[in-house]
PDB file of all heavy atoms in Angstrom:
ATOM      1  N   HIS A   1     -10.359  19.569   8.236  1.00  0.00           N
ATOM      2  CA  HIS A   1      -9.711  18.361   8.900  1.00  0.00           C
ATOM      3  C   HIS A   1     -10.330  18.184  10.277  1.00  0.00           C
ATOM      4  O   HIS A   1     -10.636  17.040  10.695  1.00  0.00           O
ATOM      5  CB  HIS A   1      -8.204  18.532   9.025  1.00  0.00           C
ATOM      6  CG  HIS A   1      -7.492  17.516   9.740  1.00  0.00           C
ATOM      7  ND1 HIS A   1      -7.347  16.227   9.272  1.00  0.00           N
ATOM      8  CD2 HIS A   1      -6.910  17.508  11.001  1.00  0.00           C
ATOM      9  CE1 HIS A   1      -6.735  15.448  10.128  1.00  0.00           C
ATOM     10  NE2 HIS A   1      -6.475  16.203  11.211  1.00  0.00           N
ATOM     11  N   SER A   2     -10.535  19.271  10.986  1.00  0.00           N
ATOM     12  CA  SER A   2     -11.205  19.293  12.261  1.00  0.00           C
ATOM     13  C   SER A   2     -11.976  20.549  12.359  1.00  0.00           C
ATOM     14  O   SER A   2     -11.699  21.556  11.641  1.00  0.00           O
ATOM     15  CB  SER A   2     -10.209  19.154  13.414  1.00  0.00           C
ATOM     16  OG  SER A   2      -9.398  20.264  13.513  1.00  0.00           O
ATOM     17  N   PRO A   3     -12.961  20.660  13.221  1.00  0.00           N
ATOM     18  CA  PRO A   3     -13.800  21.901  13.250  1.00  0.00           C
ATOM     19  C   PRO A   3     -13.034  23.045  13.898  1.00  0.00           C
ATOM     20  O   PRO A   3     -13.386  24.190  13.731  1.00  0.00           O
ATOM     21  CB  PRO A   3     -14.939  21.508  14.182  1.00  0.00           C
ATOM     22  CG  PRO A   3     -14.589  20.266  14.933  1.00  0.00           C
ATOM     23  CD  PRO A   3     -13.540  19.602  14.044  1.00  0.00           C
ATOM     24  N   ASP A   4     -11.898  22.706  14.582  1.00  0.00           N
ATOM     25  CA  ASP A   4     -11.151  23.769  15.273  1.00  0.00           C
ATOM     26  C   ASP A   4      -9.797  24.067  14.673  1.00  0.00           C
ATOM     27  O   ASP A   4      -8.904  24.646  15.300  1.00  0.00           O
ATOM     28  CB  ASP A   4     -10.950  23.331  16.743  1.00  0.00           C
ATOM     29  CG  ASP A   4     -10.684  21.813  16.869  1.00  0.00           C
ATOM     30  OD1 ASP A   4      -9.922  21.270  16.042  1.00  0.00           O
ATOM     31  OD2 ASP A   4     -11.206  21.206  17.811  1.00  0.00           O
ATOM     32  N   SER A   5      -9.568  23.684  13.427  1.00  0.00           N
ATOM     33  CA  SER A   5      -8.240  23.848  12.750  1.00  0.00           C
ATOM     34  C   SER A   5      -8.099  25.375  12.435  1.00  0.00           C
ATOM     35  O   SER A   5      -9.001  26.085  12.027  1.00  0.00           O
ATOM     36  CB  SER A   5      -8.230  23.090  11.459  1.00  0.00           C
ATOM     37  OG  SER A   5      -8.157  21.761  11.704  1.00  0.00           O
ATOM     38  N   ILE A   6      -6.877  25.809  12.644  1.00  0.00           N
ATOM     39  CA  ILE A   6      -6.429  27.129  12.206  1.00  0.00           C
ATOM     40  C   ILE A   6      -5.229  27.030  11.296  1.00  0.00           C
ATOM     41  O   ILE A   6      -4.417  26.108  11.414  1.00  0.00           O
ATOM     42  CB  ILE A   6      -6.184  28.049  13.435  1.00  0.00           C
ATOM     43  CG1 ILE A   6      -5.050  27.468  14.314  1.00  0.00           C
ATOM     44  CG2 ILE A   6      -7.379  28.340  14.248  1.00  0.00           C
ATOM     45  CD1 ILE A   6      -4.509  28.430  15.370  1.00  0.00           C
ATOM     46  N   THR A   7      -5.090  28.063  10.506  1.00  0.00           N
ATOM     47  CA  THR A   7      -3.848  28.234   9.707  1.00  0.00           C
ATOM     48  C   THR A   7      -3.144  29.528  10.287  1.00  0.00           C
ATOM     49  O   THR A   7      -3.873  30.526  10.585  1.00  0.00           O
ATOM     50  CB  THR A   7      -4.106  28.397   8.210  1.00  0.00           C
ATOM     51  OG1 THR A   7      -4.499  27.176   7.672  1.00  0.00           O
ATOM     52  CG2 THR A   7      -2.875  28.902   7.467  1.00  0.00           C
ATOM     53  N   ILE A   8      -1.885  29.496  10.409  1.00  0.00           N
ATOM     54  CA  ILE A   8      -1.156  30.585  10.994  1.00  0.00           C
ATOM     55  C   ILE A   8      -0.426  31.343   9.863  1.00  0.00           C
ATOM     56  O   ILE A   8       0.278  30.750   9.057  1.00  0.00           O
ATOM     57  CB  ILE A   8      -0.080  30.110  12.001  1.00  0.00           C
ATOM     58  CG1 ILE A   8      -0.783  29.321  13.101  1.00  0.00           C
ATOM     59  CG2 ILE A   8       0.669  31.234  12.564  1.00  0.00           C
ATOM     60  CD1 ILE A   8       0.129  28.371  13.833  1.00  0.00           C
ATOM     61  N   VAL A   9      -0.668  32.675   9.793  1.00  0.00           N
ATOM     62  CA  VAL A   9      -0.009  33.525   8.772  1.00  0.00           C
ATOM     63  C   VAL A   9       1.002  34.298   9.501  1.00  0.00           C
ATOM     64  O   VAL A   9       0.711  35.185  10.328  1.00  0.00           O
ATOM     65  CB  VAL A   9      -0.983  34.502   8.095  1.00  0.00           C
ATOM     66  CG1 VAL A   9      -0.319  35.227   7.024  1.00  0.00           C
ATOM     67  CG2 VAL A   9      -2.146  33.626   7.553  1.00  0.00           C
ATOM     68  N   ALA A  10       2.331  34.061   9.214  1.00  0.00           N
ATOM     69  CA  ALA A  10       3.386  34.817   9.893  1.00  0.00           C
ATOM     70  C   ALA A  10       4.001  35.706   8.825  1.00  0.00           C
ATOM     71  O   ALA A  10       4.352  35.289   7.680  1.00  0.00           O
ATOM     72  CB  ALA A  10       4.472  33.868  10.414  1.00  0.00           C
ATOM     73  N   THR A  11       4.138  36.997   9.187  1.00  0.00           N
ATOM     74  CA  THR A  11       4.770  38.008   8.226  1.00  0.00           C
ATOM     75  C   THR A  11       5.807  38.800   8.934  1.00  0.00           C
ATOM     76  O   THR A  11       5.723  39.097  10.119  1.00  0.00           O
ATOM     77  CB  THR A  11       3.652  38.989   7.652  1.00  0.00           C
ATOM     78  OG1 THR A  11       2.988  39.572   8.778  1.00  0.00           O
ATOM     79  CG2 THR A  11       2.642  38.189   6.864  1.00  0.00           C
ATOM     80  N   GLU A  12       6.807  39.150   8.106  1.00  0.00           N
ATOM     81  CA  GLU A  12       7.848  40.062   8.558  1.00  0.00           C
ATOM     82  C   GLU A  12       8.406  40.732   7.291  1.00  0.00           C
ATOM     83  O   GLU A  12       8.941  40.035   6.438  1.00  0.00           O
ATOM     84  CB  GLU A  12       8.948  39.339   9.370  1.00  0.00           C
ATOM     85  CG  GLU A  12       9.968  40.339   9.903  1.00  0.00           C
ATOM     86  CD  GLU A  12      11.008  39.646  10.772  1.00  0.00           C
ATOM     87  OE1 GLU A  12      10.639  38.762  11.588  1.00  0.00           O
ATOM     88  OE2 GLU A  12      12.199  40.017  10.668  1.00  0.00           O
ATOM     89  N   GLY A  13       8.201  42.047   7.199  1.00  0.00           N
ATOM     90  CA  GLY A  13       8.592  42.711   5.900  1.00  0.00           C
ATOM     91  C   GLY A  13       7.737  42.193   4.785  1.00  0.00           C
ATOM     92  O   GLY A  13       6.525  42.199   4.853  1.00  0.00           O
ATOM     93  N   GLU A  14       8.390  41.767   3.701  1.00  0.00           N
ATOM     94  CA  GLU A  14       7.691  41.315   2.527  1.00  0.00           C
ATOM     95  C   GLU A  14       7.424  39.803   2.558  1.00  0.00           C
ATOM     96  O   GLU A  14       6.818  39.235   1.631  1.00  0.00           O
ATOM     97  CB  GLU A  14       8.457  41.598   1.274  1.00  0.00           C
ATOM     98  CG  GLU A  14       8.625  43.144   1.012  1.00  0.00           C
ATOM     99  CD  GLU A  14       7.277  43.847   0.822  1.00  0.00           C
ATOM    100  OE1 GLU A  14       6.444  43.317   0.091  1.00  0.00           O
ATOM    101  OE2 GLU A  14       7.066  44.909   1.472  1.00  0.00           O
ATOM    102  N   GLU A  15       7.929  39.117   3.589  1.00  0.00           N
ATOM    103  CA  GLU A  15       7.885  37.594   3.644  1.00  0.00           C
ATOM    104  C   GLU A  15       6.610  37.189   4.330  1.00  0.00           C
ATOM    105  O   GLU A  15       6.201  37.719   5.398  1.00  0.00           O
ATOM    106  CB  GLU A  15       9.108  37.144   4.423  1.00  0.00           C
ATOM    107  CG  GLU A  15       9.334  35.651   4.365  1.00  0.00           C
ATOM    108  CD  GLU A  15      10.570  35.168   5.118  1.00  0.00           C
ATOM    109  OE1 GLU A  15      11.207  35.994   5.773  1.00  0.00           O
ATOM    110  OE2 GLU A  15      11.003  34.023   4.906  1.00  0.00           O
ATOM    111  N   THR A  16       5.935  36.185   3.691  1.00  0.00           N
ATOM    112  CA  THR A  16       4.747  35.579   4.257  1.00  0.00           C
ATOM    113  C   THR A  16       4.923  34.083   4.391  1.00  0.00           C
ATOM    114  O   THR A  16       5.283  33.438   3.427  1.00  0.00           O
ATOM    115  CB  THR A  16       3.528  35.886   3.396  1.00  0.00           C
ATOM    116  OG1 THR A  16       3.321  37.294   3.251  1.00  0.00           O
ATOM    117  CG2 THR A  16       2.245  35.218   4.002  1.00  0.00           C
ATOM    118  N   ILE A  17       4.693  33.590   5.616  1.00  0.00           N
ATOM    119  CA  ILE A  17       4.831  32.117   5.869  1.00  0.00           C
ATOM    120  C   ILE A  17       3.469  31.603   6.319  1.00  0.00           C
ATOM    121  O   ILE A  17       2.842  32.188   7.145  1.00  0.00           O
ATOM    122  CB  ILE A  17       5.897  31.889   6.926  1.00  0.00           C
ATOM    123  CG1 ILE A  17       7.244  32.535   6.632  1.00  0.00           C
ATOM    124  CG2 ILE A  17       6.041  30.312   7.159  1.00  0.00           C
ATOM    125  CD1 ILE A  17       7.885  31.964   5.365  1.00  0.00           C
ATOM    126  N   LEU A  18       3.044  30.453   5.784  1.00  0.00           N
ATOM    127  CA  LEU A  18       1.766  29.808   6.225  1.00  0.00           C
ATOM    128  C   LEU A  18       2.064  28.511   6.915  1.00  0.00           C
ATOM    129  O   LEU A  18       2.674  27.647   6.328  1.00  0.00           O
ATOM    130  CB  LEU A  18       0.877  29.584   5.006  1.00  0.00           C
ATOM    131  CG  LEU A  18       0.472  30.717   4.107  1.00  0.00           C
ATOM    132  CD1 LEU A  18      -0.411  30.313   3.011  1.00  0.00           C
ATOM    133  CD2 LEU A  18      -0.114  31.850   4.922  1.00  0.00           C
ATOM    134  N   PHE A  19       1.686  28.413   8.223  1.00  0.00           N
ATOM    135  CA  PHE A  19       1.762  27.136   8.898  1.00  0.00           C
ATOM    136  C   PHE A  19       0.353  26.568   8.890  1.00  0.00           C
ATOM    137  O   PHE A  19      -0.537  27.011   9.565  1.00  0.00           O
ATOM    138  CB  PHE A  19       2.241  27.370  10.331  1.00  0.00           C
ATOM    139  CG  PHE A  19       3.681  27.918  10.400  1.00  0.00           C
ATOM    140  CD1 PHE A  19       3.934  29.233  10.627  1.00  0.00           C
ATOM    141  CD2 PHE A  19       4.784  27.106  10.178  1.00  0.00           C
ATOM    142  CE1 PHE A  19       5.156  29.771  10.722  1.00  0.00           C
ATOM    143  CE2 PHE A  19       6.072  27.647  10.212  1.00  0.00           C
ATOM    144  CZ  PHE A  19       6.264  28.993  10.569  1.00  0.00           C
ATOM    145  N   THR A  20       0.158  25.583   7.980  1.00  0.00           N
ATOM    146  CA  THR A  20      -1.227  25.166   7.674  1.00  0.00           C
ATOM    147  C   THR A  20      -1.699  23.980   8.420  1.00  0.00           C
ATOM    148  O   THR A  20      -2.817  23.521   8.194  1.00  0.00           O
ATOM    149  CB  THR A  20      -1.300  24.845   6.095  1.00  0.00           C
ATOM    150  OG1 THR A  20      -0.272  23.864   5.795  1.00  0.00           O
ATOM    151  CG2 THR A  20      -1.056  26.101   5.334  1.00  0.00           C
ATOM    152  N   GLY A  21      -0.913  23.437   9.417  1.00  0.00           N
ATOM    153  CA  GLY A  21      -1.378  22.306  10.128  1.00  0.00           C
ATOM    154  C   GLY A  21      -1.745  21.178   9.261  1.00  0.00           C
ATOM    155  O   GLY A  21      -1.034  20.812   8.382  1.00  0.00           O
ATOM    156  N   ASP A  22      -2.958  20.589   9.567  1.00  0.00           N
ATOM    157  CA  ASP A  22      -3.471  19.502   8.700  1.00  0.00           C
ATOM    158  C   ASP A  22      -4.560  19.932   7.793  1.00  0.00           C
ATOM    159  O   ASP A  22      -5.365  19.155   7.342  1.00  0.00           O
ATOM    160  CB  ASP A  22      -3.966  18.347   9.659  1.00  0.00           C
ATOM    161  CG  ASP A  22      -2.877  17.547  10.266  1.00  0.00           C
ATOM    162  OD1 ASP A  22      -1.712  17.996  10.080  1.00  0.00           O
ATOM    163  OD2 ASP A  22      -3.104  16.554  10.970  1.00  0.00           O
ATOM    164  N   THR A  23      -4.661  21.245   7.537  1.00  0.00           N
ATOM    165  CA  THR A  23      -5.598  21.765   6.603  1.00  0.00           C
ATOM    166  C   THR A  23      -5.107  21.601   5.138  1.00  0.00           C
ATOM    167  O   THR A  23      -5.694  20.899   4.319  1.00  0.00           O
ATOM    168  CB  THR A  23      -5.956  23.238   6.884  1.00  0.00           C
ATOM    169  OG1 THR A  23      -6.553  23.339   8.158  1.00  0.00           O
ATOM    170  CG2 THR A  23      -6.863  23.795   5.848  1.00  0.00           C
ATOM    171  N   LEU A  24      -4.004  22.293   4.876  1.00  0.00           N
ATOM    172  CA  LEU A  24      -3.458  22.262   3.561  1.00  0.00           C
ATOM    173  C   LEU A  24      -2.082  21.563   3.582  1.00  0.00           C
ATOM    174  O   LEU A  24      -1.126  21.986   4.201  1.00  0.00           O
ATOM    175  CB  LEU A  24      -3.261  23.691   2.986  1.00  0.00           C
ATOM    176  CG  LEU A  24      -2.585  23.817   1.608  1.00  0.00           C
ATOM    177  CD1 LEU A  24      -3.363  23.106   0.577  1.00  0.00           C
ATOM    178  CD2 LEU A  24      -2.390  25.310   1.285  1.00  0.00           C
ATOM    179  N   PHE A  25      -2.003  20.438   2.826  1.00  0.00           N
ATOM    180  CA  PHE A  25      -0.778  19.701   2.698  1.00  0.00           C
ATOM    181  C   PHE A  25      -0.174  20.055   1.335  1.00  0.00           C
ATOM    182  O   PHE A  25      -0.776  20.820   0.555  1.00  0.00           O
ATOM    183  CB  PHE A  25      -1.062  18.182   2.755  1.00  0.00           C
ATOM    184  CG  PHE A  25      -1.511  17.721   4.086  1.00  0.00           C
ATOM    185  CD1 PHE A  25      -2.605  16.859   4.237  1.00  0.00           C
ATOM    186  CD2 PHE A  25      -0.851  18.064   5.248  1.00  0.00           C
ATOM    187  CE1 PHE A  25      -3.054  16.393   5.412  1.00  0.00           C
ATOM    188  CE2 PHE A  25      -1.287  17.617   6.510  1.00  0.00           C
ATOM    189  CZ  PHE A  25      -2.429  16.796   6.639  1.00  0.00           C
ATOM    190  N   ILE A  26       1.051  19.541   1.044  1.00  0.00           N
ATOM    191  CA  ILE A  26       1.613  19.713  -0.208  1.00  0.00           C
ATOM    192  C   ILE A  26       1.019  18.640  -1.156  1.00  0.00           C
ATOM    193  O   ILE A  26       1.211  17.433  -1.041  1.00  0.00           O
ATOM    194  CB  ILE A  26       3.147  19.515  -0.157  1.00  0.00           C
ATOM    195  CG1 ILE A  26       3.764  20.340   0.948  1.00  0.00           C
ATOM    196  CG2 ILE A  26       3.803  19.873  -1.502  1.00  0.00           C
ATOM    197  CD1 ILE A  26       3.320  21.842   0.957  1.00  0.00           C
ATOM    198  N   GLY A  27       0.165  19.135  -2.081  1.00  0.00           N
ATOM    199  CA  GLY A  27      -0.562  18.167  -2.996  1.00  0.00           C
ATOM    200  C   GLY A  27      -1.856  17.675  -2.510  1.00  0.00           C
ATOM    201  O   GLY A  27      -2.488  16.900  -3.230  1.00  0.00           O
ATOM    202  N   ASP A  28      -2.298  18.030  -1.329  1.00  0.00           N
ATOM    203  CA  ASP A  28      -3.513  17.392  -0.811  1.00  0.00           C
ATOM    204  C   ASP A  28      -4.075  18.294   0.315  1.00  0.00           C
ATOM    205  O   ASP A  28      -3.495  19.390   0.639  1.00  0.00           O
ATOM    206  CB  ASP A  28      -3.149  15.992  -0.203  1.00  0.00           C
ATOM    207  CG  ASP A  28      -4.386  15.092   0.009  1.00  0.00           C
ATOM    208  OD1 ASP A  28      -5.480  15.460  -0.452  1.00  0.00           O
ATOM    209  OD2 ASP A  28      -4.216  14.037   0.591  1.00  0.00           O
ATOM    210  N   VAL A  29      -5.176  17.871   0.930  1.00  0.00           N
ATOM    211  CA  VAL A  29      -5.766  18.563   2.096  1.00  0.00           C
ATOM    212  C   VAL A  29      -5.979  17.447   3.135  1.00  0.00           C
ATOM    213  O   VAL A  29      -6.065  16.256   2.857  1.00  0.00           O
ATOM    214  CB  VAL A  29      -7.029  19.307   1.718  1.00  0.00           C
ATOM    215  CG1 VAL A  29      -6.785  20.552   0.878  1.00  0.00           C
ATOM    216  CG2 VAL A  29      -8.112  18.398   1.109  1.00  0.00           C
ATOM    217  N   GLY A  30      -6.232  17.904   4.334  1.00  0.00           N
ATOM    218  CA  GLY A  30      -6.428  16.921   5.469  1.00  0.00           C
ATOM    219  C   GLY A  30      -7.698  16.228   5.339  1.00  0.00           C
ATOM    220  O   GLY A  30      -8.736  16.737   4.911  1.00  0.00           O
ATOM    221  N   ARG A  31      -7.709  14.937   5.722  1.00  0.00           N
ATOM    222  CA  ARG A  31      -8.892  14.103   5.658  1.00  0.00           C
ATOM    223  C   ARG A  31      -9.908  14.603   6.721  1.00  0.00           C
ATOM    224  O   ARG A  31      -9.518  15.059   7.807  1.00  0.00           O
ATOM    225  CB  ARG A  31      -8.574  12.643   5.919  1.00  0.00           C
ATOM    226  CG  ARG A  31      -7.964  12.339   7.274  1.00  0.00           C
ATOM    227  CD  ARG A  31      -7.425  10.935   7.350  1.00  0.00           C
ATOM    228  NE  ARG A  31      -8.472   9.917   7.268  1.00  0.00           N
ATOM    229  CZ  ARG A  31      -8.208   8.593   7.337  1.00  0.00           C
ATOM    230  NH1 ARG A  31      -6.990   8.178   7.532  1.00  0.00           N
ATOM    231  NH2 ARG A  31      -9.244   7.746   7.233  1.00  0.00           N
ATOM    232  N   PRO A  32     -11.201  14.521   6.416  1.00  0.00           N
ATOM    233  CA  PRO A  32     -12.208  15.055   7.298  1.00  0.00           C
ATOM    234  C   PRO A  32     -12.966  14.000   8.136  1.00  0.00           C
ATOM    235  O   PRO A  32     -14.012  14.352   8.738  1.00  0.00           O
ATOM    236  CB  PRO A  32     -13.213  15.690   6.265  1.00  0.00           C
ATOM    237  CG  PRO A  32     -13.139  14.733   5.134  1.00  0.00           C
ATOM    238  CD  PRO A  32     -11.717  14.180   5.087  1.00  0.00           C
ATOM    239  N   ASP A  33     -12.474  12.808   8.143  1.00  0.00           N
ATOM    240  CA  ASP A  33     -13.224  11.701   8.767  1.00  0.00           C
ATOM    241  C   ASP A  33     -12.628  11.232  10.096  1.00  0.00           C
ATOM    242  O   ASP A  33     -13.049  10.175  10.596  1.00  0.00           O
ATOM    243  CB  ASP A  33     -13.304  10.514   7.824  1.00  0.00           C
ATOM    244  CG  ASP A  33     -11.935   9.966   7.447  1.00  0.00           C
ATOM    245  OD1 ASP A  33     -10.964  10.719   7.558  1.00  0.00           O
ATOM    246  OD2 ASP A  33     -11.859   8.813   6.902  1.00  0.00           O
ATOM    247  N   LEU A  34     -11.757  11.973  10.714  1.00  0.00           N
ATOM    248  CA  LEU A  34     -11.141  11.521  11.983  1.00  0.00           C
ATOM    249  C   LEU A  34     -11.975  11.892  13.220  1.00  0.00           C
ATOM    250  O   LEU A  34     -11.720  11.299  14.258  1.00  0.00           O
ATOM    251  CB  LEU A  34      -9.725  12.145  12.138  1.00  0.00           C
ATOM    252  CG  LEU A  34      -8.724  11.762  11.051  1.00  0.00           C
ATOM    253  CD1 LEU A  34      -7.323  12.297  11.432  1.00  0.00           C
ATOM    254  CD2 LEU A  34      -8.631  10.219  10.966  1.00  0.00           C
ATOM    255  N   ARG A  35     -12.910  12.868  13.066  1.00  0.00           N
ATOM    256  CA  ARG A  35     -13.559  13.291  14.281  1.00  0.00           C
ATOM    257  C   ARG A  35     -14.915  12.593  14.531  1.00  0.00           C
ATOM    258  O   ARG A  35     -15.577  12.933  15.514  1.00  0.00           O
ATOM    259  CB  ARG A  35     -13.793  14.812  14.205  1.00  0.00           C
ATOM    260  CG  ARG A  35     -12.549  15.603  14.555  1.00  0.00           C
ATOM    261  CD  ARG A  35     -12.142  15.480  15.955  1.00  0.00           C
ATOM    262  NE  ARG A  35     -11.037  16.317  16.303  1.00  0.00           N
ATOM    263  CZ  ARG A  35     -11.147  17.538  16.764  1.00  0.00           C
ATOM    264  NH1 ARG A  35     -12.316  18.089  16.993  1.00  0.00           N
ATOM    265  NH2 ARG A  35     -10.039  18.201  17.043  1.00  0.00           N
ATOM    266  N   GLU A  36     -15.358  11.698  13.705  1.00  0.00           N
ATOM    267  CA  GLU A  36     -16.554  10.986  13.961  1.00  0.00           C
ATOM    268  C   GLU A  36     -16.379  10.026  15.176  1.00  0.00           C
ATOM    269  O   GLU A  36     -17.290   9.830  15.924  1.00  0.00           O
ATOM    270  CB  GLU A  36     -17.027  10.220  12.731  1.00  0.00           C
ATOM    271  CG  GLU A  36     -17.551  11.068  11.617  1.00  0.00           C
ATOM    272  CD  GLU A  36     -18.168  10.235  10.481  1.00  0.00           C
ATOM    273  OE1 GLU A  36     -17.643   9.222  10.113  1.00  0.00           O
ATOM    274  OE2 GLU A  36     -19.182  10.676   9.977  1.00  0.00           O
ATOM    275  N   ASN A  37     -15.182   9.429  15.216  1.00  0.00           N
ATOM    276  CA  ASN A  37     -14.930   8.466  16.273  1.00  0.00           C
ATOM    277  C   ASN A  37     -13.649   8.863  17.075  1.00  0.00           C
ATOM    278  O   ASN A  37     -13.115   8.011  17.740  1.00  0.00           O
ATOM    279  CB  ASN A  37     -14.788   7.051  15.727  1.00  0.00           C
ATOM    280  CG  ASN A  37     -16.023   6.620  15.021  1.00  0.00           C
ATOM    281  OD1 ASN A  37     -17.086   6.596  15.574  1.00  0.00           O
ATOM    282  ND2 ASN A  37     -15.876   6.256  13.735  1.00  0.00           N
ATOM    283  N   ALA A  38     -13.239  10.109  16.925  1.00  0.00           N
ATOM    284  CA  ALA A  38     -12.005  10.521  17.516  1.00  0.00           C
ATOM    285  C   ALA A  38     -12.210  11.688  18.442  1.00  0.00           C
ATOM    286  O   ALA A  38     -12.490  12.788  18.001  1.00  0.00           O
ATOM    287  CB  ALA A  38     -10.930  10.840  16.498  1.00  0.00           C
ATOM    288  N   GLY A  39     -12.130  11.438  19.776  1.00  0.00           N
ATOM    289  CA  GLY A  39     -12.211  12.554  20.665  1.00  0.00           C
ATOM    290  C   GLY A  39     -13.610  12.844  21.123  1.00  0.00           C
ATOM    291  O   GLY A  39     -14.599  12.338  20.580  1.00  0.00           O
ATOM    292  N   LYS A  40     -13.765  13.748  22.137  1.00  0.00           N
ATOM    293  CA  LYS A  40     -15.047  14.022  22.662  1.00  0.00           C
ATOM    294  C   LYS A  40     -15.836  14.901  21.823  1.00  0.00           C
ATOM    295  O   LYS A  40     -17.101  14.980  21.891  1.00  0.00           O
ATOM    296  CB  LYS A  40     -14.815  14.662  24.077  1.00  0.00           C
ATOM    297  CG  LYS A  40     -14.224  13.669  25.080  1.00  0.00           C
ATOM    298  CD  LYS A  40     -13.885  14.358  26.434  1.00  0.00           C
ATOM    299  CE  LYS A  40     -13.218  13.444  27.361  1.00  0.00           C
ATOM    300  NZ  LYS A  40     -12.750  14.138  28.568  1.00  0.00           N
ATOM    301  N   MET A  41     -15.210  15.759  21.007  1.00  0.00           N
ATOM    302  CA  MET A  41     -15.898  16.629  20.063  1.00  0.00           C
ATOM    303  C   MET A  41     -16.161  15.949  18.758  1.00  0.00           C
ATOM    304  O   MET A  41     -15.281  15.725  18.002  1.00  0.00           O
ATOM    305  CB  MET A  41     -15.054  17.895  19.839  1.00  0.00           C
ATOM    306  CG  MET A  41     -15.766  18.938  18.917  1.00  0.00           C
ATOM    307  SD  MET A  41     -14.698  20.282  18.414  1.00  0.00           S
ATOM    308  CE  MET A  41     -15.567  21.632  19.055  1.00  0.00           C
ATOM    309  N   LYS A  42     -17.371  15.476  18.560  1.00  0.00           N
ATOM    310  CA  LYS A  42     -17.730  14.765  17.372  1.00  0.00           C
ATOM    311  C   LYS A  42     -18.092  15.678  16.234  1.00  0.00           C
ATOM    312  O   LYS A  42     -18.662  16.744  16.429  1.00  0.00           O
ATOM    313  CB  LYS A  42     -18.904  13.781  17.662  1.00  0.00           C
ATOM    314  CG  LYS A  42     -18.680  12.857  18.890  1.00  0.00           C
ATOM    315  CD  LYS A  42     -17.557  11.873  18.608  1.00  0.00           C
ATOM    316  CE  LYS A  42     -17.443  10.954  19.755  1.00  0.00           C
ATOM    317  NZ  LYS A  42     -16.306  10.037  19.685  1.00  0.00           N
ATOM    318  N   ALA A  43     -17.726  15.279  15.069  1.00  0.00           N
ATOM    319  CA  ALA A  43     -18.085  16.028  13.842  1.00  0.00           C
ATOM    320  C   ALA A  43     -18.235  15.001  12.651  1.00  0.00           C
ATOM    321  O   ALA A  43     -17.365  14.186  12.533  1.00  0.00           O
ATOM    322  CB  ALA A  43     -17.099  17.137  13.527  1.00  0.00           C
ATOM    323  N   LYS A  44     -19.295  15.134  11.954  1.00  0.00           N
ATOM    324  CA  LYS A  44     -19.427  14.188  10.847  1.00  0.00           C
ATOM    325  C   LYS A  44     -18.592  14.478   9.644  1.00  0.00           C
ATOM    326  O   LYS A  44     -18.333  15.697   9.356  1.00  0.00           O
ATOM    327  CB  LYS A  44     -20.954  14.159  10.421  1.00  0.00           C
ATOM    328  CG  LYS A  44     -21.898  13.699  11.495  1.00  0.00           C
ATOM    329  CD  LYS A  44     -23.385  13.742  11.029  1.00  0.00           C
ATOM    330  CE  LYS A  44     -24.289  13.190  12.110  1.00  0.00           C
ATOM    331  NZ  LYS A  44     -25.699  13.202  11.708  1.00  0.00           N
TER     332      LYS A  44
END
């Protein structure tokens, strides 16, 4: 979605939680076309 995206893996005991930001959505993934004209860090 962006070159600097991270996913956060939180664990406690047997439980695992993923905070996926705009990388992995429910049923989809983040669009990759926002950084060509969005922000100082350009990415095609």
